[in-house]
Amino acid sequence: MKGDSAAIALKFFLRIFEIAPAAKPMFPFLRDAGEDAPLQSHPKLKAHAVTVFVMACESATQLRKTGDVKVREATLRRLGATHVRAGVADAHFEVVKTALLDTIQGAVPEMWTLEMKAAWEEAYDQLAAAIKEEMKLAAAA
C-alpha cells in the first residue's frame, strides 16, 4: 500500500463520509467547502487523510513488531483536545474503524484474510483507546 498511500488515504476518508455524511462538519477545513464541492479534490482533506492513514499504518506496524501500539504523549494530547473540540463520540470511532477496514480490504484484496483483519482491528482499537483516554483528560481540563 505504500506506493499508493495518498490515494488509499483519500479513499479511506471518502468512505468515512459515505458511511456518515453528517461527520463532514466535524472537520473545520471542510466547513467552508460548498455542498457541491468535490471532496476528492480538497487539498486539506487529502493532507489530513494521509496523516490519519499513516498513523493507522504505523500503529499496525508497531503492533506487528512489538505487540503494542505507542503514540507520543504530545501527539496524544493534541489528538485528544482536537477530538473533544470536534465533538467526537465512540460511535465515530466505529465509523472510522469500518471505513479503515473496508479501504484496506479494497486496496489489497488478494492479501486480505481474517488474520489480517484481526490485526488491523487490534491496531486500530489500541490507537483509538489511547485517543479516547486522552479525550477524557482533555474534557476534564
N, C-alpha and C. Protein backbone atom coordinates (compact mmCIF):
# COMPACT_ATOMS: atom_id res chain seq x y z
N MET A 1 0.81 -1.20 0.00
CA MET A 1 0.00 0.00 0.00
C MET A 1 0.86 1.26 0.00
N LYS A 2 2.14 1.12 0.34
CA LYS A 2 3.00 2.29 0.46
C LYS A 2 3.05 3.12 -0.81
N GLY A 3 3.13 2.46 -1.95
CA GLY A 3 3.26 3.18 -3.21
C GLY A 3 2.06 4.03 -3.58
N ASP A 4 0.91 3.71 -3.02
CA ASP A 4 -0.31 4.42 -3.36
C ASP A 4 -1.01 4.94 -2.10
N SER A 5 -0.24 5.24 -1.06
CA SER A 5 -0.84 5.57 0.23
C SER A 5 -1.70 6.82 0.19
N ALA A 6 -1.31 7.82 -0.60
CA ALA A 6 -2.12 9.06 -0.66
C ALA A 6 -3.50 8.78 -1.24
N ALA A 7 -3.56 8.01 -2.30
CA ALA A 7 -4.84 7.68 -2.92
C ALA A 7 -5.68 6.79 -2.01
N ILE A 8 -5.03 5.85 -1.33
CA ILE A 8 -5.74 4.96 -0.41
C ILE A 8 -6.27 5.76 0.77
N ALA A 9 -5.45 6.68 1.27
CA ALA A 9 -5.87 7.52 2.39
C ALA A 9 -7.10 8.34 2.03
N LEU A 10 -7.11 8.90 0.84
CA LEU A 10 -8.28 9.67 0.40
C LEU A 10 -9.51 8.78 0.28
N LYS A 11 -9.34 7.57 -0.25
CA LYS A 11 -10.47 6.63 -0.33
C LYS A 11 -11.00 6.32 1.06
N PHE A 12 -10.10 6.21 2.02
CA PHE A 12 -10.46 5.96 3.41
C PHE A 12 -11.41 7.05 3.92
N PHE A 13 -11.03 8.30 3.71
CA PHE A 13 -11.88 9.39 4.19
C PHE A 13 -13.16 9.53 3.39
N LEU A 14 -13.10 9.29 2.12
CA LEU A 14 -14.34 9.32 1.33
C LEU A 14 -15.29 8.23 1.81
N ARG A 15 -14.74 7.10 2.24
CA ARG A 15 -15.57 6.02 2.79
C ARG A 15 -16.19 6.45 4.12
N ILE A 16 -15.44 7.17 4.95
CA ILE A 16 -15.99 7.69 6.21
C ILE A 16 -17.23 8.53 5.91
N PHE A 17 -17.10 9.44 4.93
CA PHE A 17 -18.21 10.34 4.63
C PHE A 17 -19.36 9.63 3.90
N GLU A 18 -19.04 8.54 3.25
CA GLU A 18 -20.09 7.71 2.63
C GLU A 18 -20.92 7.03 3.73
N ILE A 19 -20.24 6.52 4.75
CA ILE A 19 -20.92 5.86 5.86
C ILE A 19 -21.66 6.88 6.73
N ALA A 20 -21.00 8.01 7.00
CA ALA A 20 -21.54 9.01 7.92
C ALA A 20 -21.41 10.41 7.33
N PRO A 21 -22.29 10.77 6.40
CA PRO A 21 -22.20 12.11 5.79
C PRO A 21 -22.27 13.25 6.80
N ALA A 22 -22.95 13.02 7.90
CA ALA A 22 -23.08 14.06 8.92
C ALA A 22 -21.76 14.37 9.62
N ALA A 23 -20.73 13.58 9.38
CA ALA A 23 -19.43 13.81 10.01
C ALA A 23 -18.66 14.96 9.36
N LYS A 24 -19.02 15.34 8.15
CA LYS A 24 -18.25 16.39 7.44
C LYS A 24 -18.07 17.67 8.26
N PRO A 25 -19.13 18.19 8.91
CA PRO A 25 -18.94 19.44 9.66
C PRO A 25 -17.99 19.32 10.86
N MET A 26 -17.63 18.11 11.22
CA MET A 26 -16.69 17.93 12.34
C MET A 26 -15.27 18.33 11.94
N PHE A 27 -15.05 18.50 10.64
CA PHE A 27 -13.73 18.85 10.14
C PHE A 27 -13.75 20.32 9.75
N PRO A 28 -13.12 21.19 10.56
CA PRO A 28 -13.19 22.64 10.31
C PRO A 28 -12.81 23.03 8.88
N PHE A 29 -11.84 22.36 8.31
CA PHE A 29 -11.39 22.73 6.97
C PHE A 29 -12.41 22.38 5.90
N LEU A 30 -13.42 21.59 6.22
CA LEU A 30 -14.48 21.26 5.26
C LEU A 30 -15.71 22.14 5.42
N ARG A 31 -15.80 22.88 6.50
CA ARG A 31 -17.00 23.69 6.75
C ARG A 31 -17.20 24.75 5.68
N ASP A 32 -16.12 25.28 5.14
CA ASP A 32 -16.23 26.32 4.12
C ASP A 32 -16.39 25.77 2.71
N ALA A 33 -16.19 24.47 2.57
CA ALA A 33 -16.35 23.85 1.24
C ALA A 33 -17.84 23.80 0.92
N GLY A 34 -18.19 24.17 -0.27
CA GLY A 34 -19.58 24.14 -0.68
C GLY A 34 -20.13 22.73 -0.71
N GLU A 35 -21.43 22.62 -0.64
CA GLU A 35 -22.09 21.31 -0.67
C GLU A 35 -21.74 20.51 -1.92
N ASP A 36 -21.57 21.21 -3.03
CA ASP A 36 -21.30 20.53 -4.29
C ASP A 36 -19.81 20.39 -4.60
N ALA A 37 -18.96 20.95 -3.72
CA ALA A 37 -17.52 20.87 -3.96
C ALA A 37 -17.07 19.42 -3.83
N PRO A 38 -16.33 18.92 -4.80
CA PRO A 38 -15.87 17.52 -4.73
C PRO A 38 -14.81 17.34 -3.62
N LEU A 39 -15.11 16.46 -2.70
CA LEU A 39 -14.19 16.23 -1.59
C LEU A 39 -12.86 15.67 -2.06
N GLN A 40 -12.88 14.85 -3.10
CA GLN A 40 -11.64 14.21 -3.54
C GLN A 40 -10.59 15.19 -4.04
N SER A 41 -11.00 16.45 -4.31
CA SER A 41 -10.00 17.42 -4.76
C SER A 41 -9.72 18.48 -3.70
N HIS A 42 -10.22 18.30 -2.50
CA HIS A 42 -9.98 19.26 -1.42
C HIS A 42 -8.58 19.02 -0.85
N PRO A 43 -7.67 20.00 -1.00
CA PRO A 43 -6.28 19.78 -0.60
C PRO A 43 -6.10 19.50 0.89
N LYS A 44 -6.85 20.17 1.75
CA LYS A 44 -6.69 19.95 3.18
C LYS A 44 -7.23 18.58 3.59
N LEU A 45 -8.27 18.11 2.91
CA LEU A 45 -8.77 16.77 3.21
C LEU A 45 -7.72 15.73 2.82
N LYS A 46 -7.10 15.92 1.66
CA LYS A 46 -6.06 14.98 1.23
C LYS A 46 -4.94 14.91 2.26
N ALA A 47 -4.48 16.07 2.72
CA ALA A 47 -3.37 16.11 3.68
C ALA A 47 -3.78 15.46 5.00
N HIS A 48 -4.97 15.77 5.46
CA HIS A 48 -5.45 15.18 6.72
C HIS A 48 -5.60 13.67 6.58
N ALA A 49 -6.15 13.24 5.47
CA ALA A 49 -6.36 11.81 5.24
C ALA A 49 -5.03 11.06 5.28
N VAL A 50 -4.02 11.62 4.66
CA VAL A 50 -2.71 10.97 4.65
C VAL A 50 -2.15 10.89 6.08
N THR A 51 -2.27 11.96 6.84
CA THR A 51 -1.77 11.97 8.22
C THR A 51 -2.44 10.88 9.04
N VAL A 52 -3.76 10.78 8.95
CA VAL A 52 -4.50 9.79 9.74
C VAL A 52 -4.19 8.38 9.27
N PHE A 53 -4.14 8.18 7.96
CA PHE A 53 -3.88 6.86 7.42
C PHE A 53 -2.47 6.39 7.79
N VAL A 54 -1.50 7.28 7.70
CA VAL A 54 -0.13 6.92 8.07
C VAL A 54 -0.06 6.54 9.54
N MET A 55 -0.78 7.27 10.41
CA MET A 55 -0.79 6.94 11.83
C MET A 55 -1.38 5.54 12.05
N ALA A 56 -2.45 5.22 11.33
CA ALA A 56 -3.05 3.89 11.44
C ALA A 56 -2.07 2.82 10.97
N CYS A 57 -1.40 3.08 9.87
CA CYS A 57 -0.42 2.12 9.34
C CYS A 57 0.75 1.94 10.29
N GLU A 58 1.22 3.04 10.88
CA GLU A 58 2.32 2.94 11.84
C GLU A 58 1.89 2.14 13.07
N SER A 59 0.62 2.31 13.48
CA SER A 59 0.11 1.54 14.61
C SER A 59 0.12 0.04 14.29
N ALA A 60 -0.30 -0.30 13.09
CA ALA A 60 -0.31 -1.71 12.68
C ALA A 60 1.11 -2.26 12.64
N THR A 61 2.05 -1.48 12.15
CA THR A 61 3.45 -1.90 12.09
C THR A 61 4.01 -2.11 13.49
N GLN A 62 3.73 -1.17 14.39
CA GLN A 62 4.19 -1.30 15.78
C GLN A 62 3.62 -2.55 16.43
N LEU A 63 2.33 -2.78 16.22
CA LEU A 63 1.69 -3.94 16.82
C LEU A 63 2.37 -5.23 16.34
N ARG A 64 2.64 -5.28 15.03
CA ARG A 64 3.28 -6.47 14.47
C ARG A 64 4.69 -6.66 15.03
N LYS A 65 5.44 -5.56 15.17
CA LYS A 65 6.83 -5.67 15.61
C LYS A 65 6.99 -5.84 17.11
N THR A 66 6.15 -5.13 17.90
CA THR A 66 6.37 -5.09 19.34
C THR A 66 5.20 -5.66 20.16
N GLY A 67 4.06 -5.86 19.51
CA GLY A 67 2.89 -6.36 20.23
C GLY A 67 2.11 -5.26 20.93
N ASP A 68 2.48 -3.99 20.69
CA ASP A 68 1.84 -2.87 21.36
C ASP A 68 1.86 -1.64 20.45
N VAL A 69 0.90 -0.75 20.67
CA VAL A 69 0.85 0.50 19.91
C VAL A 69 1.18 1.64 20.86
N LYS A 70 2.17 2.43 20.50
CA LYS A 70 2.58 3.58 21.31
C LYS A 70 2.50 4.84 20.44
N VAL A 71 1.96 5.91 21.05
CA VAL A 71 1.88 7.21 20.38
C VAL A 71 2.53 8.22 21.31
N ARG A 72 3.31 9.13 20.74
CA ARG A 72 3.98 10.15 21.56
C ARG A 72 2.96 10.93 22.38
N GLU A 73 3.34 11.27 23.62
CA GLU A 73 2.44 11.98 24.53
C GLU A 73 1.93 13.29 23.93
N ALA A 74 2.82 14.07 23.33
CA ALA A 74 2.40 15.35 22.75
C ALA A 74 1.38 15.14 21.64
N THR A 75 1.58 14.11 20.85
CA THR A 75 0.63 13.79 19.77
C THR A 75 -0.71 13.39 20.37
N LEU A 76 -0.69 12.56 21.39
CA LEU A 76 -1.94 12.14 22.03
C LEU A 76 -2.68 13.31 22.65
N ARG A 77 -1.96 14.21 23.32
CA ARG A 77 -2.62 15.39 23.91
C ARG A 77 -3.31 16.22 22.84
N ARG A 78 -2.61 16.43 21.73
CA ARG A 78 -3.18 17.21 20.63
C ARG A 78 -4.40 16.51 20.05
N LEU A 79 -4.27 15.20 19.83
CA LEU A 79 -5.40 14.44 19.27
C LEU A 79 -6.60 14.43 20.22
N GLY A 80 -6.34 14.28 21.51
CA GLY A 80 -7.42 14.29 22.49
C GLY A 80 -8.17 15.61 22.47
N ALA A 81 -7.43 16.70 22.52
CA ALA A 81 -8.06 18.03 22.53
C ALA A 81 -8.82 18.29 21.23
N THR A 82 -8.23 17.93 20.11
CA THR A 82 -8.87 18.16 18.82
C THR A 82 -10.16 17.36 18.70
N HIS A 83 -10.13 16.11 19.13
CA HIS A 83 -11.32 15.27 19.04
C HIS A 83 -12.43 15.74 19.98
N VAL A 84 -12.06 16.24 21.16
CA VAL A 84 -13.06 16.78 22.09
C VAL A 84 -13.71 18.02 21.47
N ARG A 85 -12.89 18.94 20.94
CA ARG A 85 -13.44 20.16 20.31
C ARG A 85 -14.38 19.83 19.16
N ALA A 86 -14.07 18.76 18.43
CA ALA A 86 -14.90 18.39 17.27
C ALA A 86 -16.18 17.66 17.68
N GLY A 87 -16.27 17.26 18.94
CA GLY A 87 -17.45 16.55 19.39
C GLY A 87 -17.46 15.07 19.02
N VAL A 88 -16.28 14.50 18.90
CA VAL A 88 -16.17 13.08 18.53
C VAL A 88 -16.69 12.20 19.66
N ALA A 89 -17.49 11.20 19.31
CA ALA A 89 -18.05 10.24 20.26
C ALA A 89 -17.60 8.84 19.87
N ASP A 90 -17.86 7.87 20.75
CA ASP A 90 -17.46 6.49 20.48
C ASP A 90 -17.96 5.98 19.13
N ALA A 91 -19.19 6.32 18.78
CA ALA A 91 -19.75 5.85 17.51
C ALA A 91 -18.92 6.32 16.32
N HIS A 92 -18.31 7.48 16.44
CA HIS A 92 -17.48 7.99 15.34
C HIS A 92 -16.24 7.12 15.15
N PHE A 93 -15.69 6.64 16.25
CA PHE A 93 -14.52 5.76 16.15
C PHE A 93 -14.89 4.46 15.42
N GLU A 94 -16.10 3.98 15.64
CA GLU A 94 -16.54 2.76 14.96
C GLU A 94 -16.70 2.99 13.46
N VAL A 95 -17.20 4.17 13.08
CA VAL A 95 -17.32 4.51 11.66
C VAL A 95 -15.94 4.51 11.02
N VAL A 96 -14.99 5.15 11.69
CA VAL A 96 -13.63 5.23 11.15
C VAL A 96 -13.02 3.84 11.04
N LYS A 97 -13.25 3.00 12.04
CA LYS A 97 -12.73 1.64 12.00
C LYS A 97 -13.30 0.87 10.81
N THR A 98 -14.60 0.96 10.61
CA THR A 98 -15.23 0.28 9.47
C THR A 98 -14.68 0.80 8.16
N ALA A 99 -14.55 2.11 8.04
CA ALA A 99 -14.02 2.70 6.81
C ALA A 99 -12.58 2.26 6.57
N LEU A 100 -11.78 2.21 7.63
CA LEU A 100 -10.38 1.78 7.50
C LEU A 100 -10.31 0.34 7.01
N LEU A 101 -11.06 -0.55 7.65
CA LEU A 101 -11.03 -1.96 7.25
C LEU A 101 -11.54 -2.14 5.82
N ASP A 102 -12.61 -1.46 5.46
CA ASP A 102 -13.14 -1.54 4.09
C ASP A 102 -12.09 -1.08 3.08
N THR A 103 -11.41 0.02 3.42
CA THR A 103 -10.43 0.60 2.50
C THR A 103 -9.23 -0.32 2.32
N ILE A 104 -8.73 -0.86 3.40
CA ILE A 104 -7.57 -1.75 3.30
C ILE A 104 -7.94 -3.02 2.54
N GLN A 105 -9.09 -3.57 2.84
CA GLN A 105 -9.53 -4.76 2.11
C GLN A 105 -9.63 -4.47 0.62
N GLY A 106 -10.15 -3.29 0.27
CA GLY A 106 -10.25 -2.92 -1.13
C GLY A 106 -8.91 -2.67 -1.79
N ALA A 107 -7.93 -2.23 -0.98
CA ALA A 107 -6.60 -1.91 -1.53
C ALA A 107 -5.76 -3.16 -1.77
N VAL A 108 -5.96 -4.18 -0.92
CA VAL A 108 -5.16 -5.40 -1.04
C VAL A 108 -6.05 -6.64 -0.92
N PRO A 109 -7.02 -6.77 -1.81
CA PRO A 109 -7.97 -7.88 -1.68
C PRO A 109 -7.32 -9.26 -1.74
N GLU A 110 -6.24 -9.38 -2.49
CA GLU A 110 -5.58 -10.67 -2.62
C GLU A 110 -4.84 -11.08 -1.35
N MET A 111 -4.57 -10.11 -0.47
CA MET A 111 -3.86 -10.38 0.79
C MET A 111 -4.81 -10.46 1.98
N TRP A 112 -6.05 -10.01 1.80
CA TRP A 112 -6.99 -9.88 2.91
C TRP A 112 -7.39 -11.25 3.45
N THR A 113 -7.19 -11.44 4.75
CA THR A 113 -7.58 -12.68 5.43
C THR A 113 -8.23 -12.29 6.75
N LEU A 114 -8.81 -13.26 7.42
CA LEU A 114 -9.38 -12.99 8.74
C LEU A 114 -8.29 -12.58 9.73
N GLU A 115 -7.10 -13.16 9.57
CA GLU A 115 -5.98 -12.80 10.45
C GLU A 115 -5.55 -11.36 10.21
N MET A 116 -5.50 -10.96 8.95
CA MET A 116 -5.12 -9.59 8.63
C MET A 116 -6.16 -8.62 9.18
N LYS A 117 -7.42 -8.95 9.00
CA LYS A 117 -8.49 -8.11 9.53
C LYS A 117 -8.36 -7.97 11.05
N ALA A 118 -8.13 -9.07 11.74
CA ALA A 118 -7.99 -9.05 13.20
C ALA A 118 -6.81 -8.19 13.63
N ALA A 119 -5.71 -8.26 12.90
CA ALA A 119 -4.53 -7.47 13.23
C ALA A 119 -4.80 -5.98 13.07
N TRP A 120 -5.46 -5.60 11.97
CA TRP A 120 -5.79 -4.19 11.76
C TRP A 120 -6.80 -3.72 12.80
N GLU A 121 -7.75 -4.57 13.16
CA GLU A 121 -8.72 -4.20 14.20
C GLU A 121 -8.01 -3.95 15.52
N GLU A 122 -7.10 -4.83 15.88
CA GLU A 122 -6.37 -4.68 17.13
C GLU A 122 -5.53 -3.40 17.13
N ALA A 123 -4.83 -3.13 16.05
CA ALA A 123 -4.02 -1.92 15.95
C ALA A 123 -4.90 -0.67 16.08
N TYR A 124 -6.00 -0.66 15.34
CA TYR A 124 -6.91 0.49 15.40
C TYR A 124 -7.50 0.63 16.80
N ASP A 125 -7.94 -0.47 17.39
CA ASP A 125 -8.55 -0.42 18.72
C ASP A 125 -7.57 0.14 19.76
N GLN A 126 -6.32 -0.25 19.67
CA GLN A 126 -5.32 0.28 20.62
C GLN A 126 -5.11 1.78 20.41
N LEU A 127 -5.02 2.20 19.15
CA LEU A 127 -4.85 3.62 18.84
C LEU A 127 -6.07 4.40 19.31
N ALA A 128 -7.26 3.91 19.01
CA ALA A 128 -8.50 4.59 19.40
C ALA A 128 -8.62 4.67 20.92
N ALA A 129 -8.25 3.60 21.63
CA ALA A 129 -8.32 3.60 23.09
C ALA A 129 -7.41 4.68 23.68
N ALA A 130 -6.22 4.84 23.11
CA ALA A 130 -5.29 5.86 23.58
C ALA A 130 -5.85 7.26 23.34
N ILE A 131 -6.45 7.47 22.19
CA ILE A 131 -7.04 8.78 21.88
C ILE A 131 -8.24 9.04 22.80
N LYS A 132 -9.09 8.04 23.01
CA LYS A 132 -10.25 8.20 23.89
C LYS A 132 -9.83 8.54 25.32
N GLU A 133 -8.78 7.89 25.79
CA GLU A 133 -8.29 8.18 27.14
C GLU A 133 -7.83 9.63 27.24
N GLU A 134 -7.13 10.07 26.22
CA GLU A 134 -6.66 11.46 26.19
C GLU A 134 -7.83 12.42 26.07
N MET A 135 -8.89 12.02 25.36
CA MET A 135 -10.10 12.86 25.26
C MET A 135 -10.73 13.07 26.63
N LYS A 136 -10.75 12.02 27.45
CA LYS A 136 -11.31 12.14 28.81
C LYS A 136 -10.53 13.17 29.61
N LEU A 137 -9.20 13.13 29.50
CA LEU A 137 -8.37 14.07 30.22
C LEU A 137 -8.58 15.50 29.70
N ALA A 138 -8.69 15.63 28.39
CA ALA A 138 -8.90 16.96 27.79
C ALA A 138 -10.26 17.53 28.19
N ALA A 139 -11.27 16.69 28.25
CA ALA A 139 -12.62 17.14 28.59
C ALA A 139 -12.68 17.57 30.06
N ALA A 140 -11.89 16.92 30.90
CA ALA A 140 -11.90 17.23 32.32
C ALA A 140 -11.08 18.49 32.66
N ALA A 141 -10.22 18.89 31.74
CA ALA A 141 -9.33 20.03 31.99
C ALA A 141 -10.08 21.36 31.92
